């Protein structure tokens, strides 16, 4: 694995941690339950706020999180290539 790929993975990881912290801050749940709570909060926001069905809300939430991680990976990889060359 090259340095750009490792940097992309780290960027994706820190983006995921940041998203979980953003959506779960102030929660009364223990930290190990924050990922589940954050995802369920995102699903709830889509279902209640936009009126999506539950199945569509899960699908849209999953696609949103995956797209966010892919974009963070690409950005981290590009920044690493620019800085290290």
N, C-alpha and C. Protein backbone atom coordinates (compact mmCIF):
# COMPACT_ATOMS: atom_id res chain seq x y z
N UNK A 1 0.84 -1.17 0.00
CA UNK A 1 0.00 0.00 0.00
C UNK A 1 0.89 1.24 0.00
N UNK A 2 0.60 2.16 -0.86
CA UNK A 2 1.40 3.38 -0.92
C UNK A 2 0.89 4.42 0.08
N UNK A 3 1.66 5.49 0.22
CA UNK A 3 1.34 6.51 1.23
C UNK A 3 0.04 7.25 0.90
N UNK A 4 -0.25 7.43 -0.37
CA UNK A 4 -1.48 8.12 -0.76
C UNK A 4 -2.71 7.31 -0.35
N UNK A 5 -2.65 6.01 -0.50
CA UNK A 5 -3.78 5.17 -0.13
C UNK A 5 -3.98 5.14 1.38
N UNK A 6 -2.88 5.09 2.12
CA UNK A 6 -2.97 5.12 3.57
C UNK A 6 -3.55 6.46 4.04
N UNK A 7 -3.11 7.54 3.42
CA UNK A 7 -3.65 8.86 3.77
C UNK A 7 -5.14 8.95 3.45
N UNK A 8 -5.56 8.36 2.33
CA UNK A 8 -6.97 8.33 1.99
C UNK A 8 -7.79 7.54 2.99
N UNK A 9 -7.25 6.41 3.43
CA UNK A 9 -7.95 5.62 4.45
C UNK A 9 -8.05 6.37 5.77
N UNK A 10 -6.97 7.05 6.14
CA UNK A 10 -7.02 7.84 7.37
C UNK A 10 -8.02 8.98 7.27
N UNK A 11 -8.07 9.63 6.12
CA UNK A 11 -9.04 10.71 5.92
C UNK A 11 -10.47 10.17 6.02
N UNK A 12 -10.71 9.02 5.44
CA UNK A 12 -12.04 8.40 5.52
C UNK A 12 -12.39 8.03 6.96
N UNK A 13 -11.41 7.47 7.67
CA UNK A 13 -11.64 7.07 9.05
C UNK A 13 -11.96 8.28 9.93
N UNK A 14 -11.18 9.35 9.79
CA UNK A 14 -11.42 10.53 10.60
C UNK A 14 -12.71 11.24 10.21
N UNK A 15 -13.08 11.16 8.94
CA UNK A 15 -14.36 11.71 8.52
C UNK A 15 -15.52 10.94 9.14
N UNK A 16 -15.41 9.63 9.17
CA UNK A 16 -16.45 8.81 9.79
C UNK A 16 -16.54 9.08 11.29
N UNK A 17 -15.40 9.19 11.95
CA UNK A 17 -15.40 9.51 13.38
C UNK A 17 -16.02 10.89 13.61
N UNK A 18 -15.69 11.84 12.76
CA UNK A 18 -16.26 13.18 12.89
C UNK A 18 -17.76 13.20 12.68
N UNK A 19 -18.24 12.44 11.68
CA UNK A 19 -19.68 12.36 11.44
C UNK A 19 -20.40 11.73 12.62
N UNK A 20 -19.83 10.67 13.16
CA UNK A 20 -20.44 10.01 14.32
C UNK A 20 -20.47 10.96 15.51
N UNK A 21 -19.37 11.66 15.74
CA UNK A 21 -19.33 12.60 16.86
C UNK A 21 -20.31 13.75 16.66
N UNK A 22 -20.42 14.24 15.43
CA UNK A 22 -21.34 15.32 15.15
C UNK A 22 -22.79 14.92 15.39
N UNK A 23 -23.14 13.73 14.98
CA UNK A 23 -24.53 13.28 15.11
C UNK A 23 -24.86 12.75 16.50
N UNK A 24 -23.85 12.40 17.30
CA UNK A 24 -24.11 11.77 18.59
C UNK A 24 -23.71 12.62 19.79
N UNK A 25 -23.17 13.79 19.56
CA UNK A 25 -22.76 14.63 20.67
C UNK A 25 -23.97 15.01 21.51
N UNK A 26 -23.84 14.89 22.79
CA UNK A 26 -24.94 15.19 23.69
C UNK A 26 -25.83 14.00 23.96
N UNK A 27 -25.51 12.87 23.38
CA UNK A 27 -26.31 11.68 23.59
C UNK A 27 -26.02 11.09 24.97
N UNK A 28 -27.00 10.48 25.57
CA UNK A 28 -26.82 9.86 26.87
C UNK A 28 -26.32 8.43 26.77
N UNK A 29 -26.09 7.96 25.54
CA UNK A 29 -25.60 6.59 25.33
C UNK A 29 -24.09 6.52 25.53
N UNK A 30 -23.56 5.35 25.88
CA UNK A 30 -22.10 5.20 25.96
C UNK A 30 -21.47 5.36 24.58
N UNK A 31 -20.18 5.64 24.56
CA UNK A 31 -19.48 5.94 23.31
C UNK A 31 -19.53 4.76 22.34
N UNK A 32 -19.49 3.53 22.82
CA UNK A 32 -19.49 2.38 21.92
C UNK A 32 -20.83 2.22 21.18
N UNK A 33 -21.88 2.90 21.63
CA UNK A 33 -23.16 2.84 20.94
C UNK A 33 -23.38 4.04 20.02
N UNK A 34 -22.43 4.98 19.98
CA UNK A 34 -22.59 6.17 19.15
C UNK A 34 -22.73 5.88 17.67
N UNK A 35 -21.97 4.94 17.07
CA UNK A 35 -22.16 4.71 15.62
C UNK A 35 -23.58 4.28 15.27
N UNK A 36 -24.13 3.37 16.05
CA UNK A 36 -25.50 2.93 15.81
C UNK A 36 -26.48 4.08 16.00
N UNK A 37 -26.29 4.84 17.06
CA UNK A 37 -27.18 5.96 17.35
C UNK A 37 -27.10 7.04 16.27
N UNK A 38 -25.91 7.30 15.77
CA UNK A 38 -25.74 8.30 14.72
C UNK A 38 -26.45 7.87 13.43
N UNK A 39 -26.29 6.61 13.07
CA UNK A 39 -26.94 6.12 11.86
C UNK A 39 -28.46 6.13 12.01
N UNK A 40 -28.94 5.70 13.16
CA UNK A 40 -30.38 5.71 13.39
C UNK A 40 -30.93 7.14 13.42
N UNK A 41 -30.16 8.08 13.93
CA UNK A 41 -30.56 9.48 13.93
C UNK A 41 -30.66 10.04 12.52
N UNK A 42 -29.72 9.64 11.67
CA UNK A 42 -29.77 10.07 10.27
C UNK A 42 -30.98 9.47 9.56
N UNK A 43 -31.25 8.22 9.82
CA UNK A 43 -32.44 7.57 9.23
C UNK A 43 -33.72 8.25 9.72
N UNK A 44 -33.77 8.53 11.02
CA UNK A 44 -34.95 9.18 11.57
C UNK A 44 -35.16 10.57 10.96
N UNK A 45 -34.07 11.31 10.80
CA UNK A 45 -34.18 12.65 10.21
C UNK A 45 -34.73 12.59 8.80
N UNK A 46 -34.30 11.62 8.04
CA UNK A 46 -34.81 11.49 6.67
C UNK A 46 -36.27 11.03 6.66
N UNK A 47 -36.59 10.09 7.53
CA UNK A 47 -37.96 9.56 7.54
C UNK A 47 -38.95 10.59 8.07
N UNK A 48 -38.61 11.25 9.13
CA UNK A 48 -39.54 12.20 9.73
C UNK A 48 -39.48 13.56 9.06
N UNK A 49 -38.29 14.03 8.79
CA UNK A 49 -38.14 15.38 8.24
C UNK A 49 -38.56 15.50 6.79
N UNK A 50 -38.17 14.51 5.97
CA UNK A 50 -38.49 14.58 4.55
C UNK A 50 -39.66 13.69 4.16
N UNK A 51 -40.13 12.87 5.07
CA UNK A 51 -41.29 12.03 4.79
C UNK A 51 -40.97 10.80 3.96
N UNK A 52 -39.69 10.39 3.94
CA UNK A 52 -39.32 9.17 3.21
C UNK A 52 -39.86 7.96 3.97
N UNK A 53 -40.05 6.86 3.24
CA UNK A 53 -40.40 5.62 3.92
C UNK A 53 -39.17 5.11 4.66
N UNK A 54 -39.37 4.16 5.55
CA UNK A 54 -38.28 3.67 6.39
C UNK A 54 -37.21 2.98 5.53
N UNK A 55 -37.63 2.17 4.59
CA UNK A 55 -36.68 1.47 3.72
C UNK A 55 -35.86 2.43 2.88
N UNK A 56 -36.52 3.43 2.32
CA UNK A 56 -35.82 4.43 1.51
C UNK A 56 -34.88 5.25 2.40
N UNK A 57 -35.28 5.52 3.63
CA UNK A 57 -34.42 6.27 4.55
C UNK A 57 -33.14 5.51 4.86
N UNK A 58 -33.26 4.21 5.08
CA UNK A 58 -32.05 3.40 5.31
C UNK A 58 -31.15 3.40 4.08
N UNK A 59 -31.73 3.27 2.92
CA UNK A 59 -30.96 3.25 1.69
C UNK A 59 -30.25 4.58 1.45
N UNK A 60 -30.98 5.67 1.61
CA UNK A 60 -30.39 7.00 1.39
C UNK A 60 -29.31 7.28 2.43
N UNK A 61 -29.53 6.88 3.67
CA UNK A 61 -28.52 7.09 4.72
C UNK A 61 -27.26 6.30 4.43
N UNK A 62 -27.41 5.06 4.00
CA UNK A 62 -26.26 4.24 3.66
C UNK A 62 -25.49 4.83 2.49
N UNK A 63 -26.19 5.24 1.46
CA UNK A 63 -25.54 5.84 0.29
C UNK A 63 -24.85 7.15 0.68
N UNK A 64 -25.48 7.95 1.53
CA UNK A 64 -24.88 9.20 1.98
C UNK A 64 -23.57 8.96 2.73
N UNK A 65 -23.56 8.02 3.66
CA UNK A 65 -22.36 7.72 4.43
C UNK A 65 -21.26 7.17 3.51
N UNK A 66 -21.62 6.27 2.60
CA UNK A 66 -20.63 5.72 1.68
C UNK A 66 -20.06 6.79 0.76
N UNK A 67 -20.90 7.67 0.24
CA UNK A 67 -20.41 8.75 -0.61
C UNK A 67 -19.50 9.70 0.16
N UNK A 68 -19.84 9.99 1.39
CA UNK A 68 -19.00 10.83 2.22
C UNK A 68 -17.63 10.20 2.44
N UNK A 69 -17.60 8.89 2.69
CA UNK A 69 -16.33 8.20 2.89
C UNK A 69 -15.51 8.14 1.60
N UNK A 70 -16.16 7.94 0.48
CA UNK A 70 -15.46 7.90 -0.80
C UNK A 70 -14.87 9.26 -1.13
N UNK A 71 -15.63 10.32 -0.90
CA UNK A 71 -15.13 11.67 -1.17
C UNK A 71 -13.97 12.00 -0.25
N UNK A 72 -14.05 11.59 1.02
CA UNK A 72 -12.95 11.83 1.96
C UNK A 72 -11.71 11.04 1.55
N UNK A 73 -11.89 9.81 1.06
CA UNK A 73 -10.76 9.01 0.60
C UNK A 73 -10.07 9.67 -0.58
N UNK A 74 -10.86 10.12 -1.54
CA UNK A 74 -10.29 10.77 -2.72
C UNK A 74 -9.57 12.06 -2.34
N UNK A 75 -10.18 12.84 -1.48
CA UNK A 75 -9.56 14.10 -1.05
C UNK A 75 -8.26 13.84 -0.28
N UNK A 76 -8.27 12.89 0.62
CA UNK A 76 -7.06 12.56 1.38
C UNK A 76 -5.96 12.03 0.50
N UNK A 77 -6.33 11.24 -0.48
CA UNK A 77 -5.35 10.69 -1.42
C UNK A 77 -4.74 11.79 -2.27
N UNK A 78 -5.56 12.69 -2.78
CA UNK A 78 -5.07 13.79 -3.61
C UNK A 78 -4.18 14.74 -2.82
N UNK A 79 -4.57 15.07 -1.60
CA UNK A 79 -3.76 15.96 -0.77
C UNK A 79 -2.41 15.31 -0.47
N UNK A 80 -2.43 14.02 -0.18
CA UNK A 80 -1.19 13.31 0.10
C UNK A 80 -0.26 13.31 -1.10
N UNK A 81 -0.83 13.10 -2.28
CA UNK A 81 0.01 13.10 -3.49
C UNK A 81 0.60 14.47 -3.75
N UNK A 82 -0.17 15.52 -3.48
CA UNK A 82 0.34 16.88 -3.69
C UNK A 82 1.43 17.23 -2.68
N UNK A 83 1.25 16.82 -1.44
CA UNK A 83 2.20 17.19 -0.39
C UNK A 83 3.48 16.36 -0.49
N UNK A 84 3.36 15.09 -0.80
CA UNK A 84 4.52 14.20 -0.79
C UNK A 84 5.34 14.25 -2.08
N UNK A 85 4.84 14.87 -3.13
CA UNK A 85 5.63 14.94 -4.37
C UNK A 85 6.39 16.20 -4.50
